[in-house]
Amino acid sequence: MSIKNKDVDDYILNAKPSQIDILTRLRSWIFETFDPINESFKWKRPVYGTQKDFCYLVCTKSTVNLGFYDATNINDPHHWLEGTGKKMRHIKIKQLDDYPKETIQKMLEEAEKTIHA
């Protein structure tokens, strides 16, 4: 059974009003996709992992970023992933309705599988 982290609750409650719904829904999708999932608060952001951390959420000035620690094996047919790091990539989300839940969940599953490779 997965347990929500109080520091993540506080992070979401202290976000900009336009970001609270995005954070809440992404968090819910992560919990729906994985059971159990480890939710922690590291580096001033929510971090998610099973055996190892594989994704995070972070608020920026105008977006919520869904980040992946190793995006090398994530199928990205819509070309949402951004970033210049060797493995890390993120999706900049302004309106979550622009990103189908099923596609995000598939990307999360693929990200989680990379930690086992």
PDB file of N, CA and C in Angstrom:
ATOM      1  N   MET A   1       0.840  -1.188   0.000  1.00  0.00           N
ATOM      2  CA  MET A   1       0.000   0.000   0.000  1.00  0.00           C
ATOM      3  C   MET A   1       0.882   1.247   0.000  1.00  0.00           C
ATOM      4  N   SER A   2       0.537   2.188  -0.832  1.00  0.00           N
ATOM      5  CA  SER A   2       1.288   3.434  -0.942  1.00  0.00           C
ATOM      6  C   SER A   2       0.768   4.464   0.047  1.00  0.00           C
ATOM      7  N   ILE A   3       1.679   5.257   0.574  1.00  0.00           N
ATOM      8  CA  ILE A   3       1.324   6.288   1.547  1.00  0.00           C
ATOM      9  C   ILE A   3       1.738   7.647   1.000  1.00  0.00           C
ATOM     10  N   LYS A   4       0.825   8.604   1.070  1.00  0.00           N
ATOM     11  CA  LYS A   4       1.141   9.956   0.610  1.00  0.00           C
ATOM     12  C   LYS A   4       2.006  10.657   1.653  1.00  0.00           C
ATOM     13  N   ASN A   5       2.935  11.451   1.151  1.00  0.00           N
ATOM     14  CA  ASN A   5       3.907  12.150   1.982  1.00  0.00           C
ATOM     15  C   ASN A   5       3.363  13.534   2.360  1.00  0.00           C
ATOM     16  N   LYS A   6       3.414  13.880   3.644  1.00  0.00           N
ATOM     17  CA  LYS A   6       2.897  15.169   4.114  1.00  0.00           C
ATOM     18  C   LYS A   6       3.640  16.357   3.500  1.00  0.00           C
ATOM     19  N   ASP A   7       4.948  16.222   3.286  1.00  0.00           N
ATOM     20  CA  ASP A   7       5.702  17.312   2.660  1.00  0.00           C
ATOM     21  C   ASP A   7       5.228  17.563   1.233  1.00  0.00           C
ATOM     22  N   VAL A   8       4.800  16.512   0.537  1.00  0.00           N
ATOM     23  CA  VAL A   8       4.249  16.676  -0.811  1.00  0.00           C
ATOM     24  C   VAL A   8       2.888  17.352  -0.727  1.00  0.00           C
ATOM     25  N   ASP A   9       2.078  16.971   0.268  1.00  0.00           N
ATOM     26  CA  ASP A   9       0.800  17.668   0.483  1.00  0.00           C
ATOM     27  C   ASP A   9       1.038  19.170   0.621  1.00  0.00           C
ATOM     28  N   ASP A  10       2.003  19.550   1.450  1.00  0.00           N
ATOM     29  CA  ASP A  10       2.315  20.964   1.687  1.00  0.00           C
ATOM     30  C   ASP A  10       2.819  21.639   0.412  1.00  0.00           C
ATOM     31  N   TYR A  11       3.662  20.936  -0.348  1.00  0.00           N
ATOM     32  CA  TYR A  11       4.188  21.481  -1.611  1.00  0.00           C
ATOM     33  C   TYR A  11       3.026  21.824  -2.544  1.00  0.00           C
ATOM     34  N   ILE A  12       2.084  20.911  -2.663  1.00  0.00           N
ATOM     35  CA  ILE A  12       0.942  21.134  -3.550  1.00  0.00           C
ATOM     36  C   ILE A  12       0.082  22.285  -3.035  1.00  0.00           C
ATOM     37  N   LEU A  13      -0.207  22.316  -1.745  1.00  0.00           N
ATOM     38  CA  LEU A  13      -1.044  23.376  -1.183  1.00  0.00           C
ATOM     39  C   LEU A  13      -0.407  24.758  -1.314  1.00  0.00           C
ATOM     40  N   ASN A  14       0.913  24.817  -1.356  1.00  0.00           N
ATOM     41  CA  ASN A  14       1.618  26.094  -1.466  1.00  0.00           C
ATOM     42  C   ASN A  14       1.953  26.482  -2.900  1.00  0.00           C
ATOM     43  N   ALA A  15       1.530  25.689  -3.858  1.00  0.00           N
ATOM     44  CA  ALA A  15       1.770  26.013  -5.268  1.00  0.00           C
ATOM     45  C   ALA A  15       0.809  27.110  -5.727  1.00  0.00           C
ATOM     46  N   LYS A  16       1.094  27.661  -6.900  1.00  0.00           N
ATOM     47  CA  LYS A  16       0.184  28.642  -7.489  1.00  0.00           C
ATOM     48  C   LYS A  16      -1.160  27.973  -7.751  1.00  0.00           C
ATOM     49  N   PRO A  17      -2.253  28.730  -7.630  1.00  0.00           N
ATOM     50  CA  PRO A  17      -3.579  28.139  -7.862  1.00  0.00           C
ATOM     51  C   PRO A  17      -3.686  27.390  -9.198  1.00  0.00           C
ATOM     52  N   SER A  18      -3.075  27.912 -10.234  1.00  0.00           N
ATOM     53  CA  SER A  18      -3.144  27.263 -11.548  1.00  0.00           C
ATOM     54  C   SER A  18      -2.368  25.949 -11.599  1.00  0.00           C
ATOM     55  N   GLN A  19      -1.472  25.725 -10.644  1.00  0.00           N
ATOM     56  CA  GLN A  19      -0.650  24.514 -10.646  1.00  0.00           C
ATOM     57  C   GLN A  19      -1.181  23.434  -9.708  1.00  0.00           C
ATOM     58  N   ILE A  20      -2.035  23.813  -8.765  1.00  0.00           N
ATOM     59  CA  ILE A  20      -2.522  22.850  -7.773  1.00  0.00           C
ATOM     60  C   ILE A  20      -3.277  21.694  -8.433  1.00  0.00           C
ATOM     61  N   ASP A  21      -4.165  21.993  -9.362  1.00  0.00           N
ATOM     62  CA  ASP A  21      -4.929  20.931 -10.026  1.00  0.00           C
ATOM     63  C   ASP A  21      -4.003  20.015 -10.826  1.00  0.00           C
ATOM     64  N   ILE A  22      -3.046  20.594 -11.525  1.00  0.00           N
ATOM     65  CA  ILE A  22      -2.112  19.786 -12.320  1.00  0.00           C
ATOM     66  C   ILE A  22      -1.321  18.857 -11.403  1.00  0.00           C
ATOM     67  N   LEU A  23      -0.771  19.395 -10.336  1.00  0.00           N
ATOM     68  CA  LEU A  23      -0.001  18.576  -9.391  1.00  0.00           C
ATOM     69  C   LEU A  23      -0.862  17.475  -8.776  1.00  0.00           C
ATOM     70  N   THR A  24      -2.073  17.838  -8.374  1.00  0.00           N
ATOM     71  CA  THR A  24      -2.963  16.876  -7.730  1.00  0.00           C
ATOM     72  C   THR A  24      -3.325  15.741  -8.679  1.00  0.00           C
ATOM     73  N   ARG A  25      -3.641  16.081  -9.912  1.00  0.00           N
ATOM     74  CA  ARG A  25      -4.021  15.050 -10.887  1.00  0.00           C
ATOM     75  C   ARG A  25      -2.827  14.183 -11.273  1.00  0.00           C
ATOM     76  N   LEU A  26      -1.662  14.781 -11.505  1.00  0.00           N
ATOM     77  CA  LEU A  26      -0.480  13.976 -11.827  1.00  0.00           C
ATOM     78  C   LEU A  26      -0.146  13.021 -10.685  1.00  0.00           C
ATOM     79  N   ARG A  27      -0.207  13.531  -9.481  1.00  0.00           N
ATOM     80  CA  ARG A  27       0.047  12.686  -8.304  1.00  0.00           C
ATOM     81  C   ARG A  27      -0.926  11.510  -8.275  1.00  0.00           C
ATOM     82  N   SER A  28      -2.182  11.790  -8.518  1.00  0.00           N
ATOM     83  CA  SER A  28      -3.199  10.751  -8.535  1.00  0.00           C
ATOM     84  C   SER A  28      -2.907   9.719  -9.620  1.00  0.00           C
ATOM     85  N   TRP A  29      -2.517  10.169 -10.807  1.00  0.00           N
ATOM     86  CA  TRP A  29      -2.200   9.253 -11.903  1.00  0.00           C
ATOM     87  C   TRP A  29      -1.015   8.359 -11.547  1.00  0.00           C
ATOM     88  N   ILE A  30      -0.025   8.928 -10.868  1.00  0.00           N
ATOM     89  CA  ILE A  30       1.144   8.136 -10.447  1.00  0.00           C
ATOM     90  C   ILE A  30       0.706   7.057  -9.460  1.00  0.00           C
ATOM     91  N   PHE A  31      -0.112   7.434  -8.484  1.00  0.00           N
ATOM     92  CA  PHE A  31      -0.593   6.462  -7.499  1.00  0.00           C
ATOM     93  C   PHE A  31      -1.485   5.396  -8.139  1.00  0.00           C
ATOM     94  N   GLU A  32      -2.260   5.776  -9.152  1.00  0.00           N
ATOM     95  CA  GLU A  32      -3.102   4.806  -9.854  1.00  0.00           C
ATOM     96  C   GLU A  32      -2.262   3.820 -10.666  1.00  0.00           C
ATOM     97  N   THR A  33      -1.139   4.285 -11.177  1.00  0.00           N
ATOM     98  CA  THR A  33      -0.309   3.474 -12.061  1.00  0.00           C
ATOM     99  C   THR A  33       0.530   2.459 -11.290  1.00  0.00           C
ATOM    100  N   PHE A  34       0.958   2.810 -10.084  1.00  0.00           N
ATOM    101  CA  PHE A  34       1.863   1.955  -9.314  1.00  0.00           C
ATOM    102  C   PHE A  34       1.336   1.707  -7.904  1.00  0.00           C
ATOM    103  N   ASP A  35       1.346   0.446  -7.516  1.00  0.00           N
ATOM    104  CA  ASP A  35       1.035   0.095  -6.139  1.00  0.00           C
ATOM    105  C   ASP A  35       1.897  -1.103  -5.777  1.00  0.00           C
ATOM    106  N   PRO A  36       2.858  -0.909  -4.927  1.00  0.00           N
ATOM    107  CA  PRO A  36       3.119   0.310  -4.160  1.00  0.00           C
ATOM    108  C   PRO A  36       4.009   1.290  -4.926  1.00  0.00           C
ATOM    109  N   ILE A  37       3.979   2.530  -4.472  1.00  0.00           N
ATOM    110  CA  ILE A  37       4.872   3.579  -4.971  1.00  0.00           C
ATOM    111  C   ILE A  37       5.426   4.317  -3.764  1.00  0.00           C
ATOM    112  N   ASN A  38       6.675   4.686  -3.829  1.00  0.00           N
ATOM    113  CA  ASN A  38       7.298   5.454  -2.756  1.00  0.00           C
ATOM    114  C   ASN A  38       7.254   6.932  -3.145  1.00  0.00           C
ATOM    115  N   GLU A  39       6.525   7.724  -2.375  1.00  0.00           N
ATOM    116  CA  GLU A  39       6.476   9.161  -2.591  1.00  0.00           C
ATOM    117  C   GLU A  39       7.341   9.811  -1.522  1.00  0.00           C
ATOM    118  N   SER A  40       8.326  10.582  -1.953  1.00  0.00           N
ATOM    119  CA  SER A  40       9.199  11.275  -1.008  1.00  0.00           C
ATOM    120  C   SER A  40       9.337  12.729  -1.432  1.00  0.00           C
ATOM    121  N   PHE A  41       9.972  13.504  -0.588  1.00  0.00           N
ATOM    122  CA  PHE A  41      10.211  14.911  -0.880  1.00  0.00           C
ATOM    123  C   PHE A  41      11.715  15.129  -0.798  1.00  0.00           C
ATOM    124  N   LYS A  42      12.352  15.256  -1.963  1.00  0.00           N
ATOM    125  CA  LYS A  42      13.807  15.423  -2.047  1.00  0.00           C
ATOM    126  C   LYS A  42      14.102  16.593  -2.976  1.00  0.00           C
ATOM    127  N   TRP A  43      15.172  17.287  -2.692  1.00  0.00           N
ATOM    128  CA  TRP A  43      15.611  18.380  -3.563  1.00  0.00           C
ATOM    129  C   TRP A  43      14.487  19.390  -3.789  1.00  0.00           C
ATOM    130  N   LYS A  44      13.675  19.600  -2.745  1.00  0.00           N
ATOM    131  CA  LYS A  44      12.579  20.571  -2.751  1.00  0.00           C
ATOM    132  C   LYS A  44      11.488  20.232  -3.768  1.00  0.00           C
ATOM    133  N   ARG A  45      11.264  18.918  -3.988  1.00  0.00           N
ATOM    134  CA  ARG A  45      10.237  18.507  -4.943  1.00  0.00           C
ATOM    135  C   ARG A  45       9.728  17.101  -4.631  1.00  0.00           C
ATOM    136  N   PRO A  46       8.499  16.780  -5.067  1.00  0.00           N
ATOM    137  CA  PRO A  46       7.998  15.416  -4.932  1.00  0.00           C
ATOM    138  C   PRO A  46       8.769  14.476  -5.863  1.00  0.00           C
ATOM    139  N   VAL A  47       9.167  13.328  -5.324  1.00  0.00           N
ATOM    140  CA  VAL A  47       9.931  12.332  -6.071  1.00  0.00           C
ATOM    141  C   VAL A  47       9.237  10.982  -5.900  1.00  0.00           C
ATOM    142  N   TYR A  48       9.200  10.204  -6.987  1.00  0.00           N
ATOM    143  CA  TYR A  48       8.491   8.931  -6.980  1.00  0.00           C
ATOM    144  C   TYR A  48       9.407   7.805  -7.435  1.00  0.00           C
ATOM    145  N   GLY A  49       9.270   6.669  -6.754  1.00  0.00           N
ATOM    146  CA  GLY A  49      10.073   5.522  -7.113  1.00  0.00           C
ATOM    147  C   GLY A  49       9.462   4.231  -6.630  1.00  0.00           C
ATOM    148  N   THR A  50       9.947   3.144  -7.179  1.00  0.00           N
ATOM    149  CA  THR A  50       9.603   1.816  -6.681  1.00  0.00           C
ATOM    150  C   THR A  50      10.872   1.300  -6.005  1.00  0.00           C
ATOM    151  N   GLN A  51      11.720   0.624  -6.745  1.00  0.00           N
ATOM    152  CA  GLN A  51      13.007   0.212  -6.170  1.00  0.00           C
ATOM    153  C   GLN A  51      13.994   1.384  -6.154  1.00  0.00           C
ATOM    154  N   LYS A  52      13.889   2.253  -7.168  1.00  0.00           N
ATOM    155  CA  LYS A  52      14.702   3.469  -7.270  1.00  0.00           C
ATOM    156  C   LYS A  52      13.793   4.591  -7.741  1.00  0.00           C
ATOM    157  N   ASP A  53      14.218   5.823  -7.522  1.00  0.00           N
ATOM    158  CA  ASP A  53      13.460   6.977  -8.007  1.00  0.00           C
ATOM    159  C   ASP A  53      13.501   7.003  -9.531  1.00  0.00           C
ATOM    160  N   PHE A  54      12.365   7.313 -10.140  1.00  0.00           N
ATOM    161  CA  PHE A  54      12.322   7.391 -11.602  1.00  0.00           C
ATOM    162  C   PHE A  54      11.649   8.644 -12.138  1.00  0.00           C
ATOM    163  N   CYS A  55      10.881   9.366 -11.306  1.00  0.00           N
ATOM    164  CA  CYS A  55      10.258  10.592 -11.794  1.00  0.00           C
ATOM    165  C   CYS A  55      10.042  11.578 -10.660  1.00  0.00           C
ATOM    166  N   TYR A  56       9.756  12.814 -11.037  1.00  0.00           N
ATOM    167  CA  TYR A  56       9.532  13.873 -10.056  1.00  0.00           C
ATOM    168  C   TYR A  56       8.569  14.895 -10.635  1.00  0.00           C
ATOM    169  N   LEU A  57       8.041  15.733  -9.760  1.00  0.00           N
ATOM    170  CA  LEU A  57       7.207  16.867 -10.143  1.00  0.00           C
ATOM    171  C   LEU A  57       7.870  18.129  -9.611  1.00  0.00           C
ATOM    172  N   VAL A  58       7.831  19.194 -10.387  1.00  0.00           N
ATOM    173  CA  VAL A  58       8.383  20.460  -9.909  1.00  0.00           C
ATOM    174  C   VAL A  58       7.627  21.622 -10.560  1.00  0.00           C
ATOM    175  N   CYS A  59       7.352  22.634  -9.747  1.00  0.00           N
ATOM    176  CA  CYS A  59       6.704  23.846 -10.240  1.00  0.00           C
ATOM    177  C   CYS A  59       7.760  24.819 -10.736  1.00  0.00           C
ATOM    178  N   THR A  60       7.500  25.418 -11.888  1.00  0.00           N
ATOM    179  CA  THR A  60       8.323  26.509 -12.394  1.00  0.00           C
ATOM    180  C   THR A  60       7.428  27.750 -12.423  1.00  0.00           C
ATOM    181  N   LYS A  61       7.911  28.832 -12.989  1.00  0.00           N
ATOM    182  CA  LYS A  61       7.096  30.052 -13.036  1.00  0.00           C
ATOM    183  C   LYS A  61       5.763  29.834 -13.734  1.00  0.00           C
ATOM    184  N   SER A  62       5.780  29.119 -14.862  1.00  0.00           N
ATOM    185  CA  SER A  62       4.560  29.011 -15.664  1.00  0.00           C
ATOM    186  C   SER A  62       4.108  27.584 -15.958  1.00  0.00           C
ATOM    187  N   THR A  63       4.841  26.580 -15.478  1.00  0.00           N
ATOM    188  CA  THR A  63       4.473  25.198 -15.772  1.00  0.00           C
ATOM    189  C   THR A  63       4.658  24.306 -14.551  1.00  0.00           C
ATOM    190  N   VAL A  64       4.135  23.100 -14.678  1.00  0.00           N
ATOM    191  CA  VAL A  64       4.504  22.005 -13.788  1.00  0.00           C
ATOM    192  C   VAL A  64       5.292  21.045 -14.662  1.00  0.00           C
ATOM    193  N   ASN A  65       6.484  20.709 -14.226  1.00  0.00           N
ATOM    194  CA  ASN A  65       7.288  19.767 -14.989  1.00  0.00           C
ATOM    195  C   ASN A  65       7.156  18.375 -14.394  1.00  0.00           C
ATOM    196  N   LEU A  66       6.865  17.424 -15.276  1.00  0.00           N
ATOM    197  CA  LEU A  66       6.929  16.009 -14.935  1.00  0.00           C
ATOM    198  C   LEU A  66       8.267  15.537 -15.467  1.00  0.00           C
ATOM    199  N   GLY A  67       9.186  15.238 -14.557  1.00  0.00           N
ATOM    200  CA  GLY A  67      10.540  14.893 -14.958  1.00  0.00           C
ATOM    201  C   GLY A  67      10.828  13.418 -14.801  1.00  0.00           C
ATOM    202  N   PHE A  68      11.728  12.941 -15.643  1.00  0.00           N
ATOM    203  CA  PHE A  68      12.154  11.551 -15.618  1.00  0.00           C
ATOM    204  C   PHE A  68      13.668  11.508 -15.468  1.00  0.00           C
ATOM    205  N   TYR A  69      14.149  10.685 -14.545  1.00  0.00           N
ATOM    206  CA  TYR A  69      15.586  10.590 -14.302  1.00  0.00           C
ATOM    207  C   TYR A  69      16.309   9.866 -15.419  1.00  0.00           C
ATOM    208  N   ASP A  70      15.641   8.931 -16.091  1.00  0.00           N
ATOM    209  CA  ASP A  70      16.250   8.225 -17.218  1.00  0.00           C
ATOM    210  C   ASP A  70      15.185   8.070 -18.286  1.00  0.00           C
ATOM    211  N   ALA A  71      15.203   8.963 -19.255  1.00  0.00           N
ATOM    212  CA  ALA A  71      14.176   8.972 -20.293  1.00  0.00           C
ATOM    213  C   ALA A  71      14.622   8.268 -21.568  1.00  0.00           C
ATOM    214  N   THR A  72      15.749   7.556 -21.508  1.00  0.00           N
ATOM    215  CA  THR A  72      16.311   6.968 -22.722  1.00  0.00           C
ATOM    216  C   THR A  72      15.412   5.913 -23.363  1.00  0.00           C
ATOM    217  N   ASN A  73      14.569   5.241 -22.599  1.00  0.00           N
ATOM    218  CA  ASN A  73      13.714   4.190 -23.151  1.00  0.00           C
ATOM    219  C   ASN A  73      12.235   4.535 -23.126  1.00  0.00           C
ATOM    220  N   ILE A  74      11.934   5.816 -23.017  1.00  0.00           N
ATOM    221  CA  ILE A  74      10.535   6.234 -23.003  1.00  0.00           C
ATOM    222  C   ILE A  74      10.108   6.577 -24.423  1.00  0.00           C
ATOM    223  N   ASN A  75       9.037   5.934 -24.875  1.00  0.00           N
ATOM    224  CA  ASN A  75       8.471   6.237 -26.179  1.00  0.00           C
ATOM    225  C   ASN A  75       7.785   7.603 -26.086  1.00  0.00           C
ATOM    226  N   ASP A  76       8.155   8.516 -26.961  1.00  0.00           N
ATOM    227  CA  ASP A  76       7.640   9.885 -26.930  1.00  0.00           C
ATOM    228  C   ASP A  76       7.110  10.279 -28.313  1.00  0.00           C
ATOM    229  N   PRO A  77       6.012   9.658 -28.753  1.00  0.00           N
ATOM    230  CA  PRO A  77       5.520   9.920 -30.112  1.00  0.00           C
ATOM    231  C   PRO A  77       5.059  11.355 -30.331  1.00  0.00           C
ATOM    232  N   HIS A  78       4.698  12.057 -29.258  1.00  0.00           N
ATOM    233  CA  HIS A  78       4.217  13.438 -29.374  1.00  0.00           C
ATOM    234  C   HIS A  78       5.340  14.469 -29.215  1.00  0.00           C
ATOM    235  N   HIS A  79       6.549  13.981 -28.932  1.00  0.00           N
ATOM    236  CA  HIS A  79       7.720  14.852 -28.748  1.00  0.00           C
ATOM    237  C   HIS A  79       7.501  15.860 -27.624  1.00  0.00           C
ATOM    238  N   TRP A  80       7.005  15.348 -26.497  1.00  0.00           N
ATOM    239  CA  TRP A  80       6.780  16.179 -25.315  1.00  0.00           C
ATOM    240  C   TRP A  80       8.034  16.344 -24.481  1.00  0.00           C
ATOM    241  N   LEU A  81       8.913  15.374 -24.507  1.00  0.00           N
ATOM    242  CA  LEU A  81      10.089  15.404 -23.636  1.00  0.00           C
ATOM    243  C   LEU A  81      11.077  16.480 -24.071  1.00  0.00           C
ATOM    244  N   GLU A  82      11.550  17.220 -23.080  1.00  0.00           N
ATOM    245  CA  GLU A  82      12.536  18.280 -23.308  1.00  0.00           C
ATOM    246  C   GLU A  82      13.705  18.074 -22.362  1.00  0.00           C
ATOM    247  N   GLY A  83      14.812  18.718 -22.683  1.00  0.00           N
ATOM    248  CA  GLY A  83      15.971  18.674 -21.805  1.00  0.00           C
ATOM    249  C   GLY A  83      17.236  18.387 -22.587  1.00  0.00           C
ATOM    250  N   THR A  84      18.344  18.781 -21.999  1.00  0.00           N
ATOM    251  CA  THR A  84      19.631  18.630 -22.671  1.00  0.00           C
ATOM    252  C   THR A  84      20.567  17.675 -21.944  1.00  0.00           C
ATOM    253  N   GLY A  85      20.121  17.128 -20.839  1.00  0.00           N
ATOM    254  CA  GLY A  85      20.966  16.197 -20.090  1.00  0.00           C
ATOM    255  C   GLY A  85      21.152  14.884 -20.836  1.00  0.00           C
ATOM    256  N   LYS A  86      22.111  14.098 -20.366  1.00  0.00           N
ATOM    257  CA  LYS A  86      22.383  12.817 -21.013  1.00  0.00           C
ATOM    258  C   LYS A  86      21.181  11.879 -20.931  1.00  0.00           C
ATOM    259  N   LYS A  87      20.492  11.847 -19.788  1.00  0.00           N
ATOM    260  CA  LYS A  87      19.359  10.942 -19.616  1.00  0.00           C
ATOM    261  C   LYS A  87      18.091  11.636 -19.123  1.00  0.00           C
ATOM    262  N   MET A  88      18.242  12.695 -18.339  1.00  0.00           N
ATOM    263  CA  MET A  88      17.075  13.346 -17.742  1.00  0.00           C
ATOM    264  C   MET A  88      16.299  14.151 -18.776  1.00  0.00           C
ATOM    265  N   ARG A  89      14.969  14.027 -18.700  1.00  0.00           N
ATOM    266  CA  ARG A  89      14.070  14.796 -19.556  1.00  0.00           C
ATOM    267  C   ARG A  89      12.835  15.160 -18.736  1.00  0.00           C
ATOM    268  N   HIS A  90      12.073  16.116 -19.229  1.00  0.00           N
ATOM    269  CA  HIS A  90      10.857  16.535 -18.542  1.00  0.00           C
ATOM    270  C   HIS A  90       9.811  16.972 -19.557  1.00  0.00           C
ATOM    271  N   ILE A  91       8.579  16.976 -19.094  1.00  0.00           N
ATOM    272  CA  ILE A  91       7.461  17.486 -19.873  1.00  0.00           C
ATOM    273  C   ILE A  91       6.982  18.749 -19.174  1.00  0.00           C
ATOM    274  N   LYS A  92       6.916  19.851 -19.902  1.00  0.00           N
ATOM    275  CA  LYS A  92       6.427  21.118 -19.353  1.00  0.00           C
ATOM    276  C   LYS A  92       4.920  21.190 -19.571  1.00  0.00           C
ATOM    277  N   ILE A  93       4.181  21.190 -18.480  1.00  0.00           N
ATOM    278  CA  ILE A  93       2.727  21.126 -18.561  1.00  0.00           C
ATOM    279  C   ILE A  93       2.105  22.442 -18.086  1.00  0.00           C
ATOM    280  N   LYS A  94       1.378  23.096 -19.006  1.00  0.00           N
ATOM    281  CA  LYS A  94       0.622  24.305 -18.659  1.00  0.00           C
ATOM    282  C   LYS A  94      -0.852  23.972 -18.448  1.00  0.00           C
ATOM    283  N   GLN A  95      -1.364  23.065 -19.267  1.00  0.00           N
ATOM    284  CA  GLN A  95      -2.750  22.596 -19.180  1.00  0.00           C
ATOM    285  C   GLN A  95      -2.707  21.074 -19.250  1.00  0.00           C
ATOM    286  N   LEU A  96      -3.089  20.408 -18.192  1.00  0.00           N
ATOM    287  CA  LEU A  96      -2.995  18.950 -18.169  1.00  0.00           C
ATOM    288  C   LEU A  96      -3.950  18.302 -19.165  1.00  0.00           C
ATOM    289  N   ASP A  97      -5.020  18.989 -19.506  1.00  0.00           N
ATOM    290  CA  ASP A  97      -5.967  18.429 -20.473  1.00  0.00           C
ATOM    291  C   ASP A  97      -5.336  18.235 -21.854  1.00  0.00           C
ATOM    292  N   ASP A  98      -4.185  18.851 -22.106  1.00  0.00           N
ATOM    293  CA  ASP A  98      -3.475  18.673 -23.373  1.00  0.00           C
ATOM    294  C   ASP A  98      -2.712  17.342 -23.420  1.00  0.00           C
ATOM    295  N   TYR A  99      -2.685  16.620 -22.301  1.00  0.00           N
ATOM    296  CA  TYR A  99      -1.906  15.388 -22.182  1.00  0.00           C
ATOM    297  C   TYR A  99      -2.816  14.254 -21.719  1.00  0.00           C
ATOM    298  N   PRO A 100      -3.144  13.322 -22.610  1.00  0.00           N
ATOM    299  CA  PRO A 100      -4.033  12.226 -22.219  1.00  0.00           C
ATOM    300  C   PRO A 100      -3.456  11.399 -21.064  1.00  0.00           C
ATOM    301  N   LYS A 101      -4.315  11.092 -20.122  1.00  0.00           N
ATOM    302  CA  LYS A 101      -3.922  10.318 -18.937  1.00  0.00           C
ATOM    303  C   LYS A 101      -3.245   9.014 -19.332  1.00  0.00           C
ATOM    304  N   GLU A 102      -3.810   8.299 -20.291  1.00  0.00           N
ATOM    305  CA  GLU A 102      -3.269   6.995 -20.688  1.00  0.00           C
ATOM    306  C   GLU A 102      -1.853   7.122 -21.235  1.00  0.00           C
ATOM    307  N   THR A 103      -1.581   8.182 -21.975  1.00  0.00           N
ATOM    308  CA  THR A 103      -0.245   8.387 -22.541  1.00  0.00           C
ATOM    309  C   THR A 103       0.758   8.707 -21.439  1.00  0.00           C
ATOM    310  N   ILE A 104       0.380   9.562 -20.511  1.00  0.00           N
ATOM    311  CA  ILE A 104       1.262   9.888 -19.380  1.00  0.00           C
ATOM    312  C   ILE A 104       1.526   8.634 -18.559  1.00  0.00           C
ATOM    313  N   GLN A 105       0.500   7.846 -18.290  1.00  0.00           N
ATOM    314  CA  GLN A 105       0.696   6.634 -17.501  1.00  0.00           C
ATOM    315  C   GLN A 105       1.604   5.640 -18.214  1.00  0.00           C
ATOM    316  N   LYS A 106       1.486   5.539 -19.522  1.00  0.00           N
ATOM    317  CA  LYS A 106       2.374   4.644 -20.284  1.00  0.00           C
ATOM    318  C   LYS A 106       3.818   5.126 -20.183  1.00  0.00           C
ATOM    319  N   MET A 107       4.018   6.429 -20.267  1.00  0.00           N
ATOM    320  CA  MET A 107       5.369   6.993 -20.142  1.00  0.00           C
ATOM    321  C   MET A 107       5.927   6.733 -18.736  1.00  0.00           C
ATOM    322  N   LEU A 108       5.083   6.863 -17.725  1.00  0.00           N
ATOM    323  CA  LEU A 108       5.505   6.571 -16.351  1.00  0.00           C
ATOM    324  C   LEU A 108       5.925   5.111 -16.222  1.00  0.00           C
ATOM    325  N   GLU A 109       5.136   4.210 -16.793  1.00  0.00           N
ATOM    326  CA  GLU A 109       5.480   2.779 -16.735  1.00  0.00           C
ATOM    327  C   GLU A 109       6.805   2.502 -17.423  1.00  0.00           C
ATOM    328  N   GLU A 110       7.032   3.132 -18.568  1.00  0.00           N
ATOM    329  CA  GLU A 110       8.285   2.940 -19.289  1.00  0.00           C
ATOM    330  C   GLU A 110       9.458   3.506 -18.501  1.00  0.00           C
ATOM    331  N   ALA A 111       9.252   4.633 -17.836  1.00  0.00           N
ATOM    332  CA  ALA A 111      10.305   5.231 -17.014  1.00  0.00           C
ATOM    333  C   ALA A 111      10.656   4.328 -15.836  1.00  0.00           C
ATOM    334  N   GLU A 112       9.632   3.755 -15.232  1.00  0.00           N
ATOM    335  CA  GLU A 112       9.866   2.874 -14.091  1.00  0.00           C
ATOM    336  C   GLU A 112      10.626   1.624 -14.514  1.00  0.00           C
ATOM    337  N   LYS A 113      10.347   1.116 -15.707  1.00  0.00           N
ATOM    338  CA  LYS A 113      11.046  -0.082 -16.194  1.00  0.00           C
ATOM    339  C   LYS A 113      12.539   0.177 -16.424  1.00  0.00           C
ATOM    340  N   THR A 114      12.904   1.422 -16.753  1.00  0.00           N
ATOM    341  CA  THR A 114      14.317   1.714 -17.028  1.00  0.00           C
ATOM    342  C   THR A 114      15.179   1.570 -15.791  1.00  0.00           C
ATOM    343  N   ILE A 115      14.585   1.673 -14.601  1.00  0.00           N
ATOM    344  CA  ILE A 115      15.400   1.547 -13.397  1.00  0.00           C
ATOM    345  C   ILE A 115      15.789   0.098 -13.132  1.00  0.00           C
ATOM    346  N   HIS A 116      15.128  -0.831 -13.823  1.00  0.00           N
ATOM    347  CA  HIS A 116      15.445  -2.251 -13.654  1.00  0.00           C
ATOM    348  C   HIS A 116      16.443  -2.730 -14.698  1.00  0.00           C
ATOM    349  N   ALA A 117      16.679  -1.938 -15.714  1.00  0.00           N
ATOM    350  CA  ALA A 117      17.571  -2.357 -16.817  1.00  0.00           C
ATOM    351  C   ALA A 117      19.028  -2.322 -16.413  1.00  0.00           C
TER     352      ALA A 117
END
